[in-house]
């Protein structure tokens, strides 16, 4: 074991002893709060001017905010597989949402390791891995609509079968989590609760309180690149299908109502949107004004759904306080990926752009993590499983790609990675995003669209919005060569196969058919 690791192990052991002396058990309870498509710029702890997320902020204020946290594959299922395994997609076998099959629950996961170490374990909410969860004493996961579920009246699947529910999904997930916490906290065993929200995934439908407060006249500031032209960009960026202008459905912008609502829910929906819909349908808008209208409907729905989720997160945090377990509970909040909120005229994720690739990550552990601290290291979702195992004093039986984040919190000068690796595989796919892999360092980002043999190079210090591709430009030859070499090293380190998995032959035709149905 390297000397630095030995020193960290001693420091952690001493810290845990001190915590125990003060009347708190050494092994913490663990709560993983996981959202879906939550953009960092809509978390007020990160300085957002768009929304106040006071309950996510509570975690940041009581612990640490990671300012440069990223995912390895910005799409729902693969990100969740990485959370469980601490491995990039090629090593855990779950590459895409569409054709990866079921997640292999026989492999090593951190919940199974914690369960073997005596933890009570539960998974409640969005799963999106198609298999039945393993490593959990209790699980209730969203089942219907490709495991996306619906915002209102979702169906859940458990070991006992399927159950229909009535109500708003974030409230239902929280109710189920609180019910399980009641029995878990009544024992002497530590617990792991994976509390996973659907929110704010497409189609961004707010909860009842937010529908009642809907303000059609409210105008949210537009991103500067809402009408960005694709002229002069790489070919791959000109072939995407994720523009607000042409790829959003009527349901996305609430011109059509979700089915299967109760009469009371229908009344709330109509009261919020019908008047605005009539005004839109009757107006003679220019193309740009239509985009502006769609953007407002989109961003306000997205923000309102985040607000609905944040309120429920607060309810769960309050309940931990009520149970008297907060002082010995590690709470972690993050998202499976970020999201485009009109930048480049886009919605969705998948790209290695910061909007999609970067995620919020805040974590509290009273007595161990300093309240109100910040960290700027390059961290990634491969690090989450090792971190939670480290906190519990459990060692993986097989190596993981990530590393525990805990040493970073006690030693800011600790040697850490100089770059993170990204790899997106889902092509053919619904949004026309090409397969690509890349590297992000402290200052630069190099992306290789290997199916199309195109590259992008961005200087994130001079160009944080990634508007100017420097690849092939004079003066950037040396940094390009260095990044290509480091990227090759990372691919070797992670043992990334040279040959990609192949999508089923019919997949591209299926995508086009579904898109035709949607539009």
Protein backbone atom coordinates (compact mmCIF):
# COMPACT_ATOMS: atom_id res chain seq x y z
CA UNK A 1 0.00 0.00 0.00
CA UNK A 2 1.43 3.47 -0.89
CA UNK A 3 2.51 5.57 2.07
CA UNK A 4 -0.13 8.25 1.33
CA UNK A 5 -2.88 5.61 1.45
CA UNK A 6 -1.52 4.22 4.74
CA UNK A 7 -1.52 7.69 6.27
CA UNK A 8 -5.09 8.28 5.08
CA UNK A 9 -6.21 4.96 6.56
CA UNK A 10 -4.74 5.95 9.94
CA UNK A 11 -6.35 9.42 9.78
CA UNK A 12 -9.76 7.94 8.90
CA UNK A 13 -9.50 5.37 11.68
CA UNK A 14 -8.64 8.04 14.25
CA UNK A 15 -11.48 10.23 12.99
CA UNK A 16 -13.98 7.41 13.27
CA UNK A 17 -12.78 6.61 16.77
CA UNK A 18 -13.28 10.24 17.78
CA UNK A 19 -16.76 10.20 16.29
CA UNK A 20 -17.56 7.02 18.24
CA UNK A 21 -16.22 8.55 21.46
CA UNK A 22 -18.69 11.42 21.01
CA UNK A 23 -21.57 8.95 21.09
CA UNK A 24 -21.98 8.18 17.40
CA UNK A 25 -21.43 4.75 15.88
CA UNK A 26 -18.40 4.47 13.59
CA UNK A 27 -20.25 2.90 10.66
CA UNK A 28 -22.57 5.54 9.20
CA UNK A 29 -25.97 5.05 7.72
CA UNK A 30 -25.88 5.97 4.03
CA UNK A 31 -28.55 7.73 1.97
CA UNK A 32 -27.93 8.13 -1.76
CA UNK A 33 -30.28 10.69 -3.31
CA UNK A 34 -30.17 10.29 -7.07
CA UNK A 35 -32.07 12.48 -9.53
CA UNK A 36 -32.50 12.21 -13.28
CA UNK A 37 -31.15 14.80 -15.75
CA UNK A 38 -30.54 17.50 -13.15
CA UNK A 39 -28.40 20.28 -14.59
CA UNK A 40 -25.85 21.81 -12.20
CA UNK A 41 -26.94 25.31 -13.20
CA UNK A 42 -30.34 24.64 -11.60
CA UNK A 43 -28.92 24.04 -8.11
CA UNK A 44 -28.69 27.21 -6.06
CA UNK A 45 -25.76 25.81 -4.07
CA UNK A 46 -23.81 26.21 -7.33
CA UNK A 47 -24.90 29.83 -7.73
CA UNK A 48 -27.98 29.29 -9.89
CA UNK A 49 -30.04 32.39 -10.56
CA UNK A 50 -32.84 30.29 -12.03
CA UNK A 51 -34.12 28.54 -8.92
CA UNK A 52 -33.68 28.09 -5.18
CA UNK A 53 -33.07 24.45 -4.19
CA UNK A 54 -32.99 25.02 -0.45
CA UNK A 55 -32.99 21.35 0.53
CA UNK A 56 -30.23 20.20 -1.80
CA UNK A 57 -28.40 23.29 -0.53
CA UNK A 58 -28.86 22.00 3.03
CA UNK A 59 -26.63 19.06 2.17
CA UNK A 60 -23.98 21.31 0.63
CA UNK A 61 -24.03 23.70 3.61
CA UNK A 62 -23.70 20.81 6.06
CA UNK A 63 -20.93 19.15 4.06
CA UNK A 64 -19.01 19.46 0.81
CA UNK A 65 -19.80 20.73 -2.68
CA UNK A 66 -17.78 19.15 -5.50
CA UNK A 67 -17.40 21.76 -8.22
CA UNK A 68 -16.03 19.53 -10.95
CA UNK A 69 -17.98 16.28 -10.83
CA UNK A 70 -18.62 14.37 -14.06
CA UNK A 71 -20.13 11.16 -15.41
CA UNK A 72 -18.52 8.63 -17.72
CA UNK A 73 -21.50 8.12 -20.05
CA UNK A 74 -24.28 10.73 -19.91
CA UNK A 75 -27.35 8.57 -20.19
CA UNK A 76 -29.68 7.15 -17.54
CA UNK A 77 -29.14 3.38 -17.34
CA UNK A 78 -25.37 3.36 -17.91
CA UNK A 79 -24.85 6.06 -15.28
CA UNK A 80 -26.82 3.99 -12.76
CA UNK A 81 -24.78 0.90 -13.59
CA UNK A 82 -21.62 2.91 -12.91
CA UNK A 83 -23.02 4.13 -9.59
CA UNK A 84 -23.55 0.54 -8.50
CA UNK A 85 -20.26 -0.90 -9.73
CA UNK A 86 -17.67 1.89 -9.72
CA UNK A 87 -16.88 0.83 -13.29
CA UNK A 88 -17.14 2.48 -16.70
CA UNK A 89 -19.76 1.10 -19.09
CA UNK A 90 -17.48 -1.26 -20.99
CA UNK A 91 -16.54 -3.01 -17.73
CA UNK A 92 -20.03 -3.31 -16.20
CA UNK A 93 -21.63 -4.31 -19.51
CA UNK A 94 -24.42 -1.71 -19.57
CA UNK A 95 -23.66 0.62 -22.48
CA UNK A 96 -27.00 2.17 -23.49
CA UNK A 97 -30.63 2.55 -22.48
CA UNK A 98 -31.89 0.93 -25.65
CA UNK A 99 -30.06 -2.30 -26.46
CA UNK A 100 -27.82 -3.28 -23.54
CA UNK A 101 -30.39 -5.79 -22.28
CA UNK A 102 -30.69 -6.24 -18.52
CA UNK A 103 -28.06 -5.10 -16.06
CA UNK A 104 -26.02 -8.06 -14.84
CA UNK A 105 -26.87 -8.15 -11.15
CA UNK A 106 -24.50 -11.06 -10.54
CA UNK A 107 -21.46 -8.79 -10.67
CA UNK A 108 -19.94 -6.97 -7.71
CA UNK A 109 -21.92 -3.92 -6.59
CA UNK A 110 -21.46 -1.72 -3.57
CA UNK A 111 -24.96 -2.47 -2.13
CA UNK A 112 -24.17 -6.20 -2.17
CA UNK A 113 -20.87 -5.58 -0.40
CA UNK A 114 -22.60 -3.44 2.23
CA UNK A 115 -25.33 -6.04 2.64
CA UNK A 116 -22.68 -8.71 3.23
CA UNK A 117 -21.08 -6.41 5.81
CA UNK A 118 -24.29 -6.24 7.84
CA UNK A 119 -26.04 -3.21 6.35
CA UNK A 120 -29.78 -3.14 5.80
CA UNK A 121 -30.26 -2.12 2.16
CA UNK A 122 -33.14 -0.65 0.17
CA UNK A 123 -33.63 0.65 -3.36
CA UNK A 124 -36.70 2.87 -3.88
CA UNK A 125 -37.58 4.85 -7.00
CA UNK A 126 -36.19 4.91 -10.51
CA UNK A 127 -34.02 1.90 -11.40
CA UNK A 128 -33.96 1.87 -15.23
CA UNK A 129 -31.76 -1.21 -15.51
CA UNK A 130 -34.55 -3.62 -16.50
CA UNK A 131 -33.36 -6.43 -14.21
CA UNK A 132 -34.66 -6.98 -10.70
CA UNK A 133 -32.34 -5.24 -8.21
CA UNK A 134 -29.89 -7.45 -6.31
CA UNK A 135 -28.12 -6.70 -3.06
CA UNK A 136 -31.19 -5.14 -1.48
CA UNK A 137 -33.29 -6.43 1.40
CA UNK A 138 -36.12 -4.29 0.10
CA UNK A 139 -36.77 -2.78 -3.32
CA UNK A 140 -39.62 -0.94 -5.00
CA UNK A 141 -38.80 0.48 -8.42
CA UNK A 142 -40.69 2.37 -11.12
CA UNK A 143 -41.89 -0.12 -13.69
CA UNK A 144 -44.00 1.30 -16.49
CA UNK A 145 -43.00 3.00 -19.78
CA UNK A 146 -39.52 1.55 -20.34
CA UNK A 147 -38.88 1.91 -16.59
CA UNK A 148 -39.23 5.69 -16.94
CA UNK A 149 -42.55 5.70 -15.17
CA UNK A 150 -45.03 8.56 -15.27
CA UNK A 151 -45.07 11.70 -13.18
CA UNK A 152 -48.58 10.97 -11.99
CA UNK A 153 -49.89 7.59 -10.85
CA UNK A 154 -46.81 5.49 -11.66
CA UNK A 155 -46.65 1.70 -11.41
CA UNK A 156 -44.03 0.17 -9.10
CA UNK A 157 -42.43 -3.27 -9.23
CA UNK A 158 -41.15 -5.16 -6.20
CA UNK A 159 -40.39 -8.73 -5.17
CA UNK A 160 -44.12 -9.07 -4.53
CA UNK A 161 -45.17 -7.98 -8.03
CA UNK A 162 -46.55 -4.79 -9.56
CA UNK A 163 -48.54 -2.14 -7.72
CA UNK A 164 -50.50 0.80 -9.10
CA UNK A 165 -50.32 4.09 -7.21
CA UNK A 166 -52.18 7.39 -7.19
CA UNK A 167 -50.36 10.66 -6.76
CA UNK A 168 -47.21 12.52 -7.79
CA UNK A 169 -44.14 10.38 -8.29
CA UNK A 170 -41.71 12.34 -6.08
CA UNK A 171 -44.17 12.29 -3.18
CA UNK A 172 -44.86 8.57 -3.62
CA UNK A 173 -41.15 7.69 -3.70
CA UNK A 174 -40.59 9.75 -0.54
CA UNK A 175 -43.54 8.10 1.24
CA UNK A 176 -42.11 4.67 0.44
CA UNK A 177 -38.63 5.72 1.59
CA UNK A 178 -39.95 7.09 4.89
CA UNK A 179 -41.95 3.91 5.52
CA UNK A 180 -38.80 1.81 5.06
CA UNK A 181 -36.69 4.15 7.21
CA UNK A 182 -39.13 3.67 10.10
CA UNK A 183 -38.31 0.00 10.38
CA UNK A 184 -34.63 0.35 9.44
CA UNK A 185 -33.92 2.95 12.14
CA UNK A 186 -35.57 0.77 14.78
CA UNK A 187 -32.73 -1.79 14.58
CA UNK A 188 -29.07 -1.70 15.61
CA UNK A 189 -27.87 -2.29 12.05
CA UNK A 190 -26.66 0.58 9.85
CA UNK A 191 -28.67 1.11 6.68
CA UNK A 192 -28.19 2.02 3.03
CA UNK A 193 -31.13 3.75 1.36
CA UNK A 194 -30.93 4.44 -2.36
CA UNK A 195 -33.65 7.07 -2.84
CA UNK A 196 -33.92 7.64 -6.58
CA UNK A 197 -36.13 10.26 -8.20
CA UNK A 198 -37.55 10.29 -11.70
CA UNK A 199 -37.46 14.08 -11.60
CA UNK A 200 -36.60 16.16 -13.61
CA UNK A 201 -36.60 13.73 -16.56
CA UNK A 202 -38.55 14.51 -19.72
CA UNK A 203 -41.45 15.52 -19.86
CA UNK A 204 -40.87 17.69 -16.80
CA UNK A 205 -44.32 17.65 -15.22
CA UNK A 206 -44.47 19.58 -11.93
CA UNK A 207 -46.15 18.45 -8.75
CA UNK A 208 -49.58 19.65 -7.59
CA UNK A 209 -48.28 22.62 -5.60
CA UNK A 210 -46.27 23.87 -8.57
CA UNK A 211 -49.21 23.41 -10.94
CA UNK A 212 -51.34 25.51 -8.61
CA UNK A 213 -48.65 28.22 -8.60
CA UNK A 214 -48.01 28.14 -12.39
CA UNK A 215 -47.47 31.63 -13.82
CA UNK A 216 -47.89 31.72 -17.59
CA UNK A 217 -46.61 35.31 -17.75
CA UNK A 218 -43.32 34.58 -15.99
CA UNK A 219 -40.35 34.91 -18.36
CA UNK A 220 -37.08 33.07 -17.71
CA UNK A 221 -33.86 34.47 -19.18
CA UNK A 222 -32.93 32.79 -22.47
CA UNK A 223 -29.45 31.28 -22.91
CA UNK A 224 -27.24 33.32 -25.22
CA UNK A 225 -26.91 30.36 -27.61
CA UNK A 226 -30.62 29.53 -27.94
CA UNK A 227 -30.45 30.44 -31.65
CA UNK A 228 -26.89 29.30 -32.28
CA UNK A 229 -26.24 28.36 -35.89
CA UNK A 230 -24.69 24.98 -36.70
CA UNK A 231 -22.84 26.51 -39.64
CA UNK A 232 -19.12 25.86 -39.37
CA UNK A 233 -19.48 23.21 -36.68
CA UNK A 234 -18.41 19.59 -37.01
CA UNK A 235 -20.66 17.44 -39.20
CA UNK A 236 -21.79 15.43 -36.20
CA UNK A 237 -23.23 18.52 -34.52
CA UNK A 238 -25.24 19.33 -37.61
CA UNK A 239 -26.95 15.92 -37.60
CA UNK A 240 -28.38 15.94 -34.05
CA UNK A 241 -32.09 15.57 -33.32
CA UNK A 242 -32.47 17.39 -30.02
CA UNK A 243 -33.47 20.92 -30.97
CA UNK A 244 -36.21 22.72 -29.07
CA UNK A 245 -37.38 24.13 -32.40
CA UNK A 246 -38.05 20.86 -34.22
CA UNK A 247 -37.70 17.88 -31.86
CA UNK A 248 -39.84 18.73 -28.86
CA UNK A 249 -43.26 17.09 -28.85
CA UNK A 250 -46.59 18.67 -27.99
CA UNK A 251 -46.52 16.72 -24.74
CA UNK A 252 -43.12 18.18 -23.87
CA UNK A 253 -44.49 21.72 -23.97
CA UNK A 254 -47.83 20.79 -22.39
CA UNK A 255 -49.98 21.34 -25.46
CA UNK A 256 -51.18 17.77 -24.92
CA UNK A 257 -52.05 16.35 -21.52
CA UNK A 258 -50.61 13.17 -20.01
CA UNK A 259 -53.12 10.35 -20.04
CA UNK A 260 -54.42 8.43 -17.03
CA UNK A 261 -54.81 11.43 -14.74
CA UNK A 262 -57.48 11.50 -12.08
CA UNK A 263 -60.22 14.14 -12.47
CA UNK A 264 -58.54 16.24 -9.78
CA UNK A 265 -55.15 16.00 -11.52
CA UNK A 266 -56.72 16.87 -14.89
CA UNK A 267 -58.28 19.97 -13.35
CA UNK A 268 -54.89 21.11 -12.00
CA UNK A 269 -53.24 20.53 -15.39
CA UNK A 270 -55.94 22.42 -17.29
CA UNK A 271 -55.94 25.32 -14.86
CA UNK A 272 -52.19 25.68 -15.33
CA UNK A 273 -51.86 25.28 -19.09
CA UNK A 274 -55.16 25.56 -21.01
CA UNK A 275 -55.36 29.35 -21.21
CA UNK A 276 -51.76 29.65 -22.38
CA UNK A 277 -52.29 26.86 -24.89
CA UNK A 278 -55.29 28.61 -26.41
CA UNK A 279 -53.34 31.87 -26.71
CA UNK A 280 -50.46 30.02 -28.42
CA UNK A 281 -52.71 28.16 -30.86
CA UNK A 282 -54.47 31.38 -31.86
CA UNK A 283 -51.33 33.49 -32.21
CA UNK A 284 -49.57 34.05 -35.51
CA UNK A 285 -45.99 33.68 -34.30
CA UNK A 286 -42.75 33.82 -36.24
CA UNK A 287 -40.46 30.79 -36.14
CA UNK A 288 -38.23 32.47 -33.59
CA UNK A 289 -41.17 33.41 -31.39
CA UNK A 290 -42.40 29.80 -31.48
CA UNK A 291 -38.97 28.67 -30.25
CA UNK A 292 -39.08 31.30 -27.52
CA UNK A 293 -42.54 30.13 -26.43
CA UNK A 294 -41.43 26.48 -26.40
CA UNK A 295 -38.33 27.39 -24.45
CA UNK A 296 -40.38 29.18 -21.78
CA UNK A 297 -42.76 26.25 -21.42
CA UNK A 298 -39.84 23.86 -21.25
CA UNK A 299 -37.62 25.71 -18.80
CA UNK A 300 -40.47 26.67 -16.47
CA UNK A 301 -41.75 23.07 -16.41
CA UNK A 302 -38.24 21.80 -15.76
CA UNK A 303 -37.62 24.26 -12.93
CA UNK A 304 -41.02 23.61 -11.37
CA UNK A 305 -40.42 19.86 -11.39
CA UNK A 306 -37.02 20.40 -9.72
CA UNK A 307 -38.78 22.47 -7.08
CA UNK A 308 -41.27 19.62 -6.51
CA UNK A 309 -38.40 17.17 -6.03
CA UNK A 310 -36.41 19.50 -3.78
CA UNK A 311 -39.39 19.83 -1.44
CA UNK A 312 -39.58 16.03 -1.14
CA UNK A 313 -35.84 15.79 -0.48
CA UNK A 314 -36.41 18.23 2.36
CA UNK A 315 -39.15 16.01 3.72
CA UNK A 316 -36.78 13.04 3.77
CA UNK A 317 -33.99 15.06 5.44
CA UNK A 318 -36.45 16.27 8.06
CA UNK A 319 -37.48 12.68 8.73
CA UNK A 320 -33.87 11.64 9.30
CA UNK A 321 -33.77 14.41 11.92
CA UNK A 322 -37.01 13.17 13.46
CA UNK A 323 -35.61 9.66 13.73
CA UNK A 324 -32.51 11.04 15.43
CA UNK A 325 -30.11 9.45 12.95
CA UNK A 326 -28.85 12.48 10.98
CA UNK A 327 -25.65 12.83 13.01
CA UNK A 328 -24.55 9.37 11.97
CA UNK A 329 -25.78 9.41 8.37
CA UNK A 330 -23.78 10.13 5.24
CA UNK A 331 -26.11 11.79 2.73
CA UNK A 332 -25.04 12.13 -0.89
CA UNK A 333 -26.93 13.97 -3.62
CA UNK A 334 -26.12 13.74 -7.32
CA UNK A 335 -27.71 13.14 -10.73
CA UNK A 336 -27.25 10.49 -13.39
CA UNK A 337 -26.15 13.24 -15.81
CA UNK A 338 -26.66 16.91 -16.55
CA UNK A 339 -28.98 18.39 -19.17
CA UNK A 340 -29.12 21.03 -21.89
CA UNK A 341 -31.47 23.87 -20.95
CA UNK A 342 -31.65 25.62 -24.29
CA UNK A 343 -27.89 25.98 -24.83
CA UNK A 344 -27.19 25.50 -28.57
CA UNK A 345 -30.97 25.48 -28.94
CA UNK A 346 -30.95 21.99 -27.42
CA UNK A 347 -32.58 19.88 -24.76
CA UNK A 348 -31.46 16.41 -23.57
CA UNK A 349 -27.94 15.14 -22.72
CA UNK A 350 -25.52 12.48 -24.19
CA UNK A 351 -22.79 14.84 -25.43
CA UNK A 352 -19.49 15.44 -23.63
CA UNK A 353 -20.38 19.14 -23.38
CA UNK A 354 -20.22 20.46 -19.81
CA UNK A 355 -24.02 20.91 -19.68
CA UNK A 356 -24.52 17.16 -20.10
CA UNK A 357 -21.27 15.69 -18.75
CA UNK A 358 -21.08 17.65 -15.48
CA UNK A 359 -23.33 16.87 -12.51
CA UNK A 360 -24.10 18.34 -9.10
CA UNK A 361 -22.47 16.39 -6.27
CA UNK A 362 -22.88 17.36 -2.61
CA UNK A 363 -22.28 15.19 0.44
CA UNK A 364 -22.65 15.56 4.19
CA UNK A 365 -21.34 13.41 7.03
CA UNK A 366 -21.44 15.26 10.37
CA UNK A 367 -18.23 15.05 12.34
CA UNK A 368 -16.24 13.80 9.37
CA UNK A 369 -16.86 16.22 6.49
CA UNK A 370 -16.34 19.91 7.24
CA UNK A 371 -19.56 21.91 6.83
CA UNK A 372 -19.60 24.38 3.93
CA UNK A 373 -16.47 23.00 2.29
CA UNK A 374 -15.78 22.98 -1.46
CA UNK A 375 -13.63 20.77 -3.63
CA UNK A 376 -12.35 21.40 -7.16
CA UNK A 377 -10.73 18.03 -7.92
CA UNK A 378 -11.75 16.19 -11.12
CA UNK A 379 -14.11 13.59 -9.68
CA UNK A 380 -16.43 11.19 -11.48
CA UNK A 381 -19.32 8.82 -10.85
CA UNK A 382 -16.87 5.89 -10.85
CA UNK A 383 -15.74 7.30 -7.48
CA UNK A 384 -19.10 7.05 -5.72
CA UNK A 385 -19.13 3.30 -4.95
CA UNK A 386 -15.54 3.33 -3.60
CA UNK A 387 -16.37 6.38 -1.45
CA UNK A 388 -19.43 4.80 0.16
CA UNK A 389 -17.60 1.53 0.78
CA UNK A 390 -14.69 3.44 2.31
CA UNK A 391 -17.06 5.27 4.65
CA UNK A 392 -18.44 1.92 5.83
CA UNK A 393 -14.99 0.39 6.21
CA UNK A 394 -15.64 -2.18 3.47
CA UNK A 395 -13.07 -3.18 0.86
CA UNK A 396 -14.20 -4.26 -2.65
CA UNK A 397 -13.39 -7.85 -3.51
CA UNK A 398 -12.55 -6.80 -7.08
CA UNK A 399 -10.87 -3.54 -8.20
CA UNK A 400 -13.06 -0.61 -9.24
CA UNK A 401 -12.15 2.11 -11.72
CA UNK A 402 -12.86 4.87 -9.21
CA UNK A 403 -11.26 5.96 -5.96
CA UNK A 404 -12.67 7.02 -2.62
CA UNK A 405 -13.26 10.77 -2.37
CA UNK A 406 -12.81 10.80 1.40
CA UNK A 407 -9.02 11.34 1.37
CA UNK A 408 -9.59 14.50 -0.71
CA UNK A 409 -11.67 15.93 2.10
CA UNK A 410 -8.95 15.63 4.72
CA UNK A 411 -5.96 16.50 2.53
CA UNK A 412 -6.46 19.15 -0.15
CA UNK A 413 -2.92 18.56 -1.42
CA UNK A 414 -3.47 14.84 -1.99
CA UNK A 415 -2.32 13.61 -5.37
CA UNK A 416 -5.35 12.99 -7.57
CA UNK A 417 -6.17 12.22 -11.20
CA UNK A 418 -5.26 14.81 -13.83
CA UNK A 419 -8.03 13.85 -16.27
CA UNK A 420 -11.39 12.09 -16.58
CA UNK A 421 -12.50 9.73 -19.35
CA UNK A 422 -15.86 9.80 -21.16
CA UNK A 423 -17.43 7.36 -23.63
CA UNK A 424 -20.89 7.51 -25.21
CA UNK A 425 -22.11 4.46 -27.17
CA UNK A 426 -25.82 4.91 -27.97
CA UNK A 427 -25.78 5.31 -31.73
CA UNK A 428 -28.01 4.68 -33.55
CA UNK A 429 -30.10 6.55 -31.02
CA UNK A 430 -33.17 8.74 -30.75
CA UNK A 431 -31.29 12.02 -30.64
CA UNK A 432 -28.76 11.41 -33.40
CA UNK A 433 -25.77 11.81 -31.07
CA UNK A 434 -22.67 10.05 -32.46
CA UNK A 435 -20.51 7.65 -30.55
CA UNK A 436 -17.59 9.47 -29.04
CA UNK A 437 -14.98 9.28 -26.34
CA UNK A 438 -12.80 11.97 -24.87
CA UNK A 439 -10.70 13.39 -22.10
CA UNK A 440 -11.17 16.41 -19.85
CA UNK A 441 -8.27 17.90 -17.93
CA UNK A 442 -8.11 20.92 -15.68
CA UNK A 443 -8.14 23.24 -18.70
CA UNK A 444 -8.74 21.33 -21.93
CA UNK A 445 -11.21 18.92 -23.45
CA UNK A 446 -10.50 16.67 -26.44
CA UNK A 447 -13.38 14.71 -28.01
CA UNK A 448 -13.04 12.06 -30.71
CA UNK A 449 -16.14 11.23 -32.79
CA UNK A 450 -14.57 8.03 -33.97
CA UNK A 451 -17.34 6.81 -36.26
CA UNK A 452 -17.02 10.04 -38.24
CA UNK A 453 -13.29 10.63 -37.68
CA UNK A 454 -13.89 14.14 -36.33
CA UNK A 455 -12.32 15.83 -33.34
CA UNK A 456 -13.08 18.78 -31.11
CA UNK A 457 -10.65 20.60 -28.85
CA UNK A 458 -11.79 23.22 -26.36
CA UNK A 459 -9.87 25.53 -24.06
CA UNK A 460 -12.25 25.64 -21.09
CA UNK A 461 -10.42 28.52 -19.45
CA UNK A 462 -10.68 30.85 -22.45
CA UNK A 463 -13.91 29.38 -23.82
CA UNK A 464 -16.05 27.92 -20.99
CA UNK A 465 -19.12 27.67 -23.26
CA UNK A 466 -17.21 25.48 -25.75
CA UNK A 467 -18.03 27.62 -28.76
CA UNK A 468 -14.68 27.48 -30.61
CA UNK A 469 -13.23 24.21 -31.85
CA UNK A 470 -9.43 24.54 -31.74
CA UNK A 471 -8.62 21.16 -33.23
CA UNK A 472 -6.29 21.54 -36.21
CA UNK A 473 -5.72 25.24 -35.49
CA UNK A 474 -2.20 26.65 -35.57
CA UNK A 475 -0.59 26.91 -32.16
CA UNK A 476 -2.47 23.97 -30.63
CA UNK A 477 -0.45 21.11 -32.09
CA UNK A 478 1.48 20.36 -28.90
CA UNK A 479 -1.49 20.35 -26.53
CA UNK A 480 -3.44 18.22 -29.02
CA UNK A 481 -0.67 15.64 -29.15
CA UNK A 482 -0.37 15.60 -25.36
CA UNK A 483 -4.12 15.11 -24.92
CA UNK A 484 -4.24 12.34 -27.52
CA UNK A 485 -1.42 10.54 -25.73
CA UNK A 486 -3.11 10.92 -22.33
CA UNK A 487 -6.43 9.76 -23.78
CA UNK A 488 -4.74 6.63 -25.14
CA UNK A 489 -3.20 6.02 -21.71
CA UNK A 490 -6.58 6.25 -20.01
CA UNK A 491 -8.13 3.83 -22.50
CA UNK A 492 -5.30 1.41 -21.75
CA UNK A 493 -5.61 1.94 -17.98
CA UNK A 494 -9.36 1.23 -18.05
CA UNK A 495 -8.90 -1.60 -20.60
CA UNK A 496 -11.40 -0.14 -23.06
CA UNK A 497 -11.94 -2.60 -25.93
CA UNK A 498 -11.04 -1.33 -29.37
CA UNK A 499 -14.18 -2.97 -30.77
CA UNK A 500 -17.50 -1.44 -29.72
CA UNK A 501 -20.62 -3.51 -29.03
CA UNK A 502 -22.96 -3.57 -32.01
CA UNK A 503 -26.59 -2.47 -31.86
CA UNK A 504 -29.21 -4.91 -33.23
CA UNK A 505 -29.68 -4.52 -36.99
CA UNK A 506 -33.30 -3.38 -36.59
CA UNK A 507 -32.57 -0.71 -33.98
CA UNK A 508 -32.20 2.24 -36.36
CA UNK A 509 -35.52 1.41 -38.07
CA UNK A 510 -37.23 1.11 -34.67
CA UNK A 511 -35.97 4.54 -33.64
CA UNK A 512 -37.30 6.18 -36.79
CA UNK A 513 -40.69 4.49 -36.31
CA UNK A 514 -41.00 5.65 -32.69
CA UNK A 515 -39.99 9.19 -33.66
CA UNK A 516 -42.66 9.19 -36.36
CA UNK A 517 -45.26 8.10 -33.77
CA UNK A 518 -44.13 10.79 -31.31
CA UNK A 519 -44.37 13.59 -33.84
